[in-house]
C-alpha atoms as a PDB file:
ATOM      1  CA  MET A   1      -8.028  13.070  -5.507  1.00  0.00           C
ATOM      2  CA  TYR A   2      -6.356  16.922  -6.392  1.00  0.00           C
ATOM      3  CA  GLY A   3      -7.496  18.419  -3.627  1.00  0.00           C
ATOM      4  CA  TRP A   4      -5.916  15.995  -1.394  1.00  0.00           C
ATOM      5  CA  VAL A   5      -2.456  16.060  -3.158  1.00  0.00           C
ATOM      6  CA  GLN A   6      -2.534  20.026  -3.033  1.00  0.00           C
ATOM      7  CA  PHE A   7      -3.471  19.377   1.305  1.00  0.00           C
ATOM      8  CA  GLU A   8      -0.526  16.988   1.113  1.00  0.00           C
ATOM      9  CA  LEU A   9       1.872  18.672  -0.552  1.00  0.00           C
ATOM     10  CA  HIS A  10       1.340  22.373   1.141  1.00  0.00           C
ATOM     11  CA  VAL A  11       0.447  21.402   4.418  1.00  0.00           C
ATOM     12  CA  LEU A  12       1.817  17.630   6.264  1.00  0.00           C
ATOM     13  CA  ASN A  13       4.049  17.524   3.717  1.00  0.00           C
ATOM     14  CA  LYS A  14       7.474  18.889   5.518  1.00  0.00           C
ATOM     15  CA  PRO A  15       6.074  18.274   9.023  1.00  0.00           C
ATOM     16  CA  LEU A  16       5.230  14.256   8.098  1.00  0.00           C
ATOM     17  CA  TYR A  17       8.670  14.406   6.113  1.00  0.00           C
ATOM     18  CA  ALA A  18      10.628  15.267   9.428  1.00  0.00           C
ATOM     19  CA  ILE A  19       9.032  13.532  11.973  1.00  0.00           C
ATOM     20  CA  SER A  20       9.782  10.248   8.791  1.00  0.00           C
ATOM     21  CA  LEU A  21      13.198  10.446   8.913  1.00  0.00           C
ATOM     22  CA  GLU A  22      13.828  10.791  12.295  1.00  0.00           C
ATOM     23  CA  HIS A  23      11.600   7.723  13.339  1.00  0.00           C
ATOM     24  CA  ILE A  24      13.200   5.902   9.950  1.00  0.00           C
ATOM     25  CA  LYS A  25      17.105   6.657  11.360  1.00  0.00           C
ATOM     26  CA  LEU A  26      15.667   5.159  14.729  1.00  0.00           C
ATOM     27  CA  PHE A  27      14.238   1.963  13.217  1.00  0.00           C
ATOM     28  CA  ARG A  28      17.434   1.744  10.771  1.00  0.00           C
ATOM     29  CA  ALA A  29      19.890   2.083  13.899  1.00  0.00           C
ATOM     30  CA  HIS A  30      18.097  -0.967  15.821  1.00  0.00           C
ATOM     31  CA  ALA A  31      16.853  -2.824  12.856  1.00  0.00           C
ATOM     32  CA  GLU A  32      19.704  -5.784  13.108  1.00  0.00           C
ATOM     33  CA  GLN A  33      18.797  -5.817  16.786  1.00  0.00           C
ATOM     34  CA  HIS A  34      15.611  -6.825  15.614  1.00  0.00           C
ATOM     35  CA  LYS A  35      16.283  -8.931  13.226  1.00  0.00           C
ATOM     36  CA  PHE A  36      12.569 -10.629  13.392  1.00  0.00           C
ATOM     37  CA  MET A  37      10.324  -7.642  13.487  1.00  0.00           C
ATOM     38  CA  ASP A  38      12.992  -6.370   9.554  1.00  0.00           C
ATOM     39  CA  VAL A  39      11.766  -9.435   8.076  1.00  0.00           C
ATOM     40  CA  LEU A  40       8.037  -9.207   9.336  1.00  0.00           C
ATOM     41  CA  MET A  41       8.217  -6.022   7.965  1.00  0.00           C
ATOM     42  CA  THR A  42       9.290  -7.246   4.815  1.00  0.00           C
ATOM     43  CA  PHE A  43       7.172  -9.718   4.491  1.00  0.00           C
ATOM     44  CA  ILE A  44       4.453  -7.264   4.978  1.00  0.00           C
ATOM     45  CA  SER A  45       5.425  -5.145   2.022  1.00  0.00           C
ATOM     46  CA  GLN A  46       5.471  -8.086  -0.341  1.00  0.00           C
ATOM     47  CA  ILE A  47       1.043  -7.390   0.181  1.00  0.00           C
ATOM     48  CA  GLY A  48       1.417  -4.733  -1.579  1.00  0.00           C
ATOM     49  CA  ASP A  49       4.359  -6.159  -4.777  1.00  0.00           C
ATOM     50  CA  LYS A  50       4.214  -8.762  -6.766  1.00  0.00           C
ATOM     51  CA  PHE A  51       2.860 -11.800  -4.892  1.00  0.00           C
ATOM     52  CA  GLY A  52       0.331  -9.995  -3.162  1.00  0.00           C
ATOM     53  CA  PHE A  53      -0.905  -8.811  -6.485  1.00  0.00           C
ATOM     54  CA  PHE A  54      -0.703 -12.321  -7.600  1.00  0.00           C
ATOM     55  CA  GLY A  55      -2.352 -13.288  -4.846  1.00  0.00           C
ATOM     56  CA  ALA A  56      -5.395 -11.047  -5.313  1.00  0.00           C
ATOM     57  CA  MET A  57      -5.608 -11.892  -8.771  1.00  0.00           C
ATOM     58  CA  CYS A  58      -5.480 -15.820  -7.991  1.00  0.00           C
ATOM     59  CA  ILE A  59      -8.443 -15.411  -5.518  1.00  0.00           C
ATOM     60  CA  SER A  60     -10.503 -13.246  -8.213  1.00  0.00           C
ATOM     61  CA  HIS A  61      -9.766 -15.702 -11.143  1.00  0.00           C
ATOM     62  CA  HIS A  62     -10.998 -18.743  -8.782  1.00  0.00           C
ATOM     63  CA  PHE A  63     -13.189 -17.612  -6.409  1.00  0.00           C
ATOM     64  CA  ASN A  64     -14.977 -14.655  -8.564  1.00  0.00           C
ATOM     65  CA  ASN A  65     -17.290 -14.600 -11.948  1.00  0.00           C
ATOM     66  CA  GLU A  66     -15.532 -13.276 -15.297  1.00  0.00           C
ATOM     67  CA  GLY A  67     -16.573  -9.959 -14.981  1.00  0.00           C
ATOM     68  CA  ASN A  68     -15.157  -9.598 -11.358  1.00  0.00           C
ATOM     69  CA  SER A  69     -11.785 -10.816 -12.223  1.00  0.00           C
ATOM     70  CA  PHE A  70     -11.513  -8.384 -15.218  1.00  0.00           C
ATOM     71  CA  ILE A  71     -12.209  -5.678 -13.447  1.00  0.00           C
ATOM     72  CA  ASN A  72      -9.447  -6.536 -10.975  1.00  0.00           C
ATOM     73  CA  SER A  73      -7.338  -7.496 -14.185  1.00  0.00           C
ATOM     74  CA  LEU A  74      -8.068  -3.809 -15.481  1.00  0.00           C
ATOM     75  CA  GLN A  75      -6.902  -2.368 -12.087  1.00  0.00           C
ATOM     76  CA  ILE A  76      -3.445  -3.306 -12.340  1.00  0.00           C
ATOM     77  CA  CYS A  77      -2.974  -1.569 -15.584  1.00  0.00           C
ATOM     78  CA  VAL A  78      -5.253   1.542 -13.955  1.00  0.00           C
ATOM     79  CA  PHE A  79      -3.150   1.341 -10.867  1.00  0.00           C
ATOM     80  CA  VAL A  80       0.330   1.652 -12.257  1.00  0.00           C
ATOM     81  CA  LEU A  81      -0.819   4.454 -14.523  1.00  0.00           C
ATOM     82  CA  ILE A  82      -1.818   6.355 -12.376  1.00  0.00           C
ATOM     83  CA  SER A  83       0.301   5.656  -9.438  1.00  0.00           C
ATOM     84  CA  GLN A  84       3.817   6.384 -11.932  1.00  0.00           C
ATOM     85  CA  THR A  85       2.141   9.359 -13.479  1.00  0.00           C
ATOM     86  CA  VAL A  86       1.039  11.254  -9.948  1.00  0.00           C
ATOM     87  CA  LYS A  87       5.100  10.190  -8.711  1.00  0.00           C
ATOM     88  CA  SER A  88       5.905  12.623 -12.025  1.00  0.00           C
ATOM     89  CA  ILE A  89       4.047  14.974 -10.834  1.00  0.00           C
ATOM     90  CA  ILE A  90       4.717  15.296  -7.142  1.00  0.00           C
ATOM     91  CA  ARG A  91       8.425  14.437  -7.757  1.00  0.00           C
ATOM     92  CA  GLU A  92       9.053  13.904  -4.120  1.00  0.00           C
ATOM     93  CA  PRO A  93      12.497  12.219  -3.746  1.00  0.00           C
ATOM     94  CA  ARG A  94      12.250   9.212  -1.116  1.00  0.00           C
ATOM     95  CA  PRO A  95      13.992   9.449   2.267  1.00  0.00           C
ATOM     96  CA  LEU A  96      16.935   7.652   1.579  1.00  0.00           C
ATOM     97  CA  MET A  97      17.769  10.283  -1.470  1.00  0.00           C
ATOM     98  CA  VAL A  98      17.657  12.670   0.853  1.00  0.00           C
ATOM     99  CA  ASP A  99      19.743  11.750   4.193  1.00  0.00           C
ATOM    100  CA  GLY A 100      22.538   9.035   3.078  1.00  0.00           C
ATOM    101  CA  THR A 101      22.239   8.102   6.684  1.00  0.00           C
ATOM    102  CA  ILE A 102      19.641   5.983   5.724  1.00  0.00           C
ATOM    103  CA  ASN A 103      20.877   2.040   5.341  1.00  0.00           C
ATOM    104  CA  VAL A 104      18.374   0.350   3.031  1.00  0.00           C
ATOM    105  CA  GLU A 105      18.373  -3.272   1.434  1.00  0.00           C
ATOM    106  CA  ASP A 106      14.958  -3.683   0.112  1.00  0.00           C
ATOM    107  CA  CYS A 107      14.526  -0.581  -2.504  1.00  0.00           C
ATOM    108  CA  LYS A 108      15.911  -1.827  -5.920  1.00  0.00           C
ATOM    109  CA  HIS A 109      13.829   1.514  -7.510  1.00  0.00           C
ATOM    110  CA  MET A 110      14.675   4.724  -7.291  1.00  0.00           C
ATOM    111  CA  GLU A 111      11.628   6.759  -8.584  1.00  0.00           C
ATOM    112  CA  PHE A 112      10.066   9.335  -6.486  1.00  0.00           C
ATOM    113  CA  GLY A 113       8.631   8.202  -3.365  1.00  0.00           C
ATOM    114  CA  ASN A 114       5.325   9.946  -3.440  1.00  0.00           C
ATOM    115  CA  PRO A 115       2.354   8.329  -3.611  1.00  0.00           C
ATOM    116  CA  SER A 116       3.435   4.684  -1.978  1.00  0.00           C
ATOM    117  CA  SER A 117       2.839   2.264  -5.254  1.00  0.00           C
ATOM    118  CA  HIS A 118       2.868  -0.720  -3.230  1.00  0.00           C
ATOM    119  CA  VAL A 119       0.229   1.201  -1.077  1.00  0.00           C
ATOM    120  CA  TYR A 120      -1.812   2.615  -3.083  1.00  0.00           C
ATOM    121  CA  GLY A 121      -2.046  -0.510  -5.372  1.00  0.00           C
ATOM    122  CA  ALA A 122      -2.440  -2.648  -2.205  1.00  0.00           C
ATOM    123  CA  THR A 123      -5.529  -0.218  -1.351  1.00  0.00           C
ATOM    124  CA  PHE A 124      -6.398  -0.893  -5.042  1.00  0.00           C
ATOM    125  CA  MET A 125      -6.471  -4.076  -5.578  1.00  0.00           C
ATOM    126  CA  TRP A 126      -7.386  -5.960  -2.338  1.00  0.00           C
ATOM    127  CA  ILE A 127     -10.442  -3.576  -1.187  1.00  0.00           C
ATOM    128  CA  THR A 128     -12.053  -4.471  -4.394  1.00  0.00           C
ATOM    129  CA  CYS A 129     -11.164  -8.099  -4.584  1.00  0.00           C
ATOM    130  CA  ILE A 130     -12.447  -9.191  -0.729  1.00  0.00           C
ATOM    131  CA  TYR A 131     -15.381  -7.227  -1.602  1.00  0.00           C
ATOM    132  CA  LEU A 132     -16.539  -8.089  -5.134  1.00  0.00           C
ATOM    133  CA  LEU A 133     -15.487 -11.921  -3.818  1.00  0.00           C
ATOM    134  CA  CYS A 134     -17.754 -11.621  -0.914  1.00  0.00           C
ATOM    135  CA  ASN A 135     -20.735 -10.280  -2.496  1.00  0.00           C
ATOM    136  CA  ASP A 136     -20.399 -12.438  -5.001  1.00  0.00           C
ATOM    137  CA  TYR A 137     -20.349 -15.546  -2.514  1.00  0.00           C
ATOM    138  CA  ILE A 138     -23.317 -13.517  -1.036  1.00  0.00           C
ATOM    139  CA  TYR A 139     -24.965 -13.460  -4.381  1.00  0.00           C
ATOM    140  CA  LYS A 140     -24.684 -17.233  -5.004  1.00  0.00           C
ATOM    141  CA  HIS A 141     -25.588 -18.276  -1.980  1.00  0.00           C
ATOM    142  CA  ARG A 142     -28.326 -15.712  -0.840  1.00  0.00           C
ATOM    143  CA  ILE A 143     -26.524 -15.515   2.608  1.00  0.00           C
ATOM    144  CA  GLN A 144     -29.417 -13.412   4.624  1.00  0.00           C
ATOM    145  CA  GLY A 145     -27.031 -10.957   7.017  1.00  0.00           C
ATOM    146  CA  ALA A 146     -23.501 -11.644   5.934  1.00  0.00           C
ATOM    147  CA  GLY A 147     -23.370  -7.869   5.394  1.00  0.00           C
ATOM    148  CA  GLN A 148     -21.757  -7.377   8.901  1.00  0.00           C
ATOM    149  CA  THR A 149     -19.448 -10.236   7.698  1.00  0.00           C
ATOM    150  CA  VAL A 150     -17.599  -8.508   4.697  1.00  0.00           C
ATOM    151  CA  VAL A 151     -18.157  -4.669   6.979  1.00  0.00           C
ATOM    152  CA  ASN A 152     -15.388  -7.156   9.257  1.00  0.00           C
ATOM    153  CA  ILE A 153     -13.874  -8.946   6.487  1.00  0.00           C
ATOM    154  CA  ILE A 154     -12.667  -4.805   4.893  1.00  0.00           C
ATOM    155  CA  HIS A 155     -12.124  -3.688   8.552  1.00  0.00           C
ATOM    156  CA  VAL A 156      -9.428  -6.577   8.594  1.00  0.00           C
ATOM    157  CA  ALA A 157      -8.468  -5.683   5.399  1.00  0.00           C
ATOM    158  CA  PHE A 158      -7.589  -1.815   5.922  1.00  0.00           C
ATOM    159  CA  GLY A 159      -5.707  -3.133   9.250  1.00  0.00           C
ATOM    160  CA  VAL A 160      -3.461  -5.098   7.326  1.00  0.00           C
ATOM    161  CA  LEU A 161      -3.154  -1.747   4.765  1.00  0.00           C
ATOM    162  CA  LEU A 162      -2.640   0.130   7.981  1.00  0.00           C
ATOM    163  CA  LEU A 163       0.403  -2.489   9.002  1.00  0.00           C
ATOM    164  CA  LEU A 164       1.930  -2.325   4.915  1.00  0.00           C
ATOM    165  CA  ALA A 165       1.597   1.357   5.126  1.00  0.00           C
ATOM    166  CA  PHE A 166       3.685   1.164   8.171  1.00  0.00           C
ATOM    167  CA  SER A 167       6.606  -1.142   7.319  1.00  0.00           C
ATOM    168  CA  ARG A 168       7.019   1.119   4.058  1.00  0.00           C
ATOM    169  CA  VAL A 169       8.005   3.526   6.626  1.00  0.00           C
ATOM    170  CA  TYR A 170       9.498   1.451   8.843  1.00  0.00           C
ATOM    171  CA  LYS A 171      11.606  -0.362   5.519  1.00  0.00           C
ATOM    172  CA  GLY A 172      12.987   3.419   5.404  1.00  0.00           C
ATOM    173  CA  VAL A 173      11.381   3.632   1.916  1.00  0.00           C
ATOM    174  CA  HIS A 174       8.298   5.837   2.015  1.00  0.00           C
ATOM    175  CA  SER A 175       7.933   8.823   4.297  1.00  0.00           C
ATOM    176  CA  TYR A 176       4.590   9.412   6.678  1.00  0.00           C
ATOM    177  CA  ASN A 177       3.120  11.220   4.085  1.00  0.00           C
ATOM    178  CA  GLN A 178       3.838   8.798   1.161  1.00  0.00           C
ATOM    179  CA  VAL A 179       2.168   6.422   2.069  1.00  0.00           C
ATOM    180  CA  ILE A 180      -0.938   8.443   3.825  1.00  0.00           C
ATOM    181  CA  SER A 181      -1.338   9.430  -0.271  1.00  0.00           C
ATOM    182  CA  GLY A 182      -1.024   5.660  -1.179  1.00  0.00           C
ATOM    183  CA  PHE A 183      -4.630   5.147   0.585  1.00  0.00           C
ATOM    184  CA  VAL A 184      -6.238   8.366  -1.353  1.00  0.00           C
END
């Protein structure tokens, strides 16, 4: 992780941040015209917020065994600790803090933006929850050849996570480099 943080800070940060500011201004300028897209991106952002964590925990506690449920519960504590510590070390401002023309309604937290906690937490929780759920289900039912199904489900989850990352940039609360750091 340290190597990625150094690469992101020294190579990717400035060009991706500048491109992000341009894109965010464009997205925010057209948000009123495309209200459905704005609402959709807000909904997708919730996958990496309290509602998404609550859903992952419900799935974990209802369908997984106790050990797997404990792993998912523990992940929330670890995710918050790591995310907030890294934000405090990097201290990269959100785009709305840098450019006053970016009008954002959804961001209530004014801490630093790198890495995106929504993307980081959703990646942390959902991939592990899906993996443990599929692994537990396959083990209980002794399903042969189900490995490809698990791989397909994880591919869909990564697709949703990429959409979540884009939604954070679309809403104007993170830059591209900040959401990329959320995956690491």
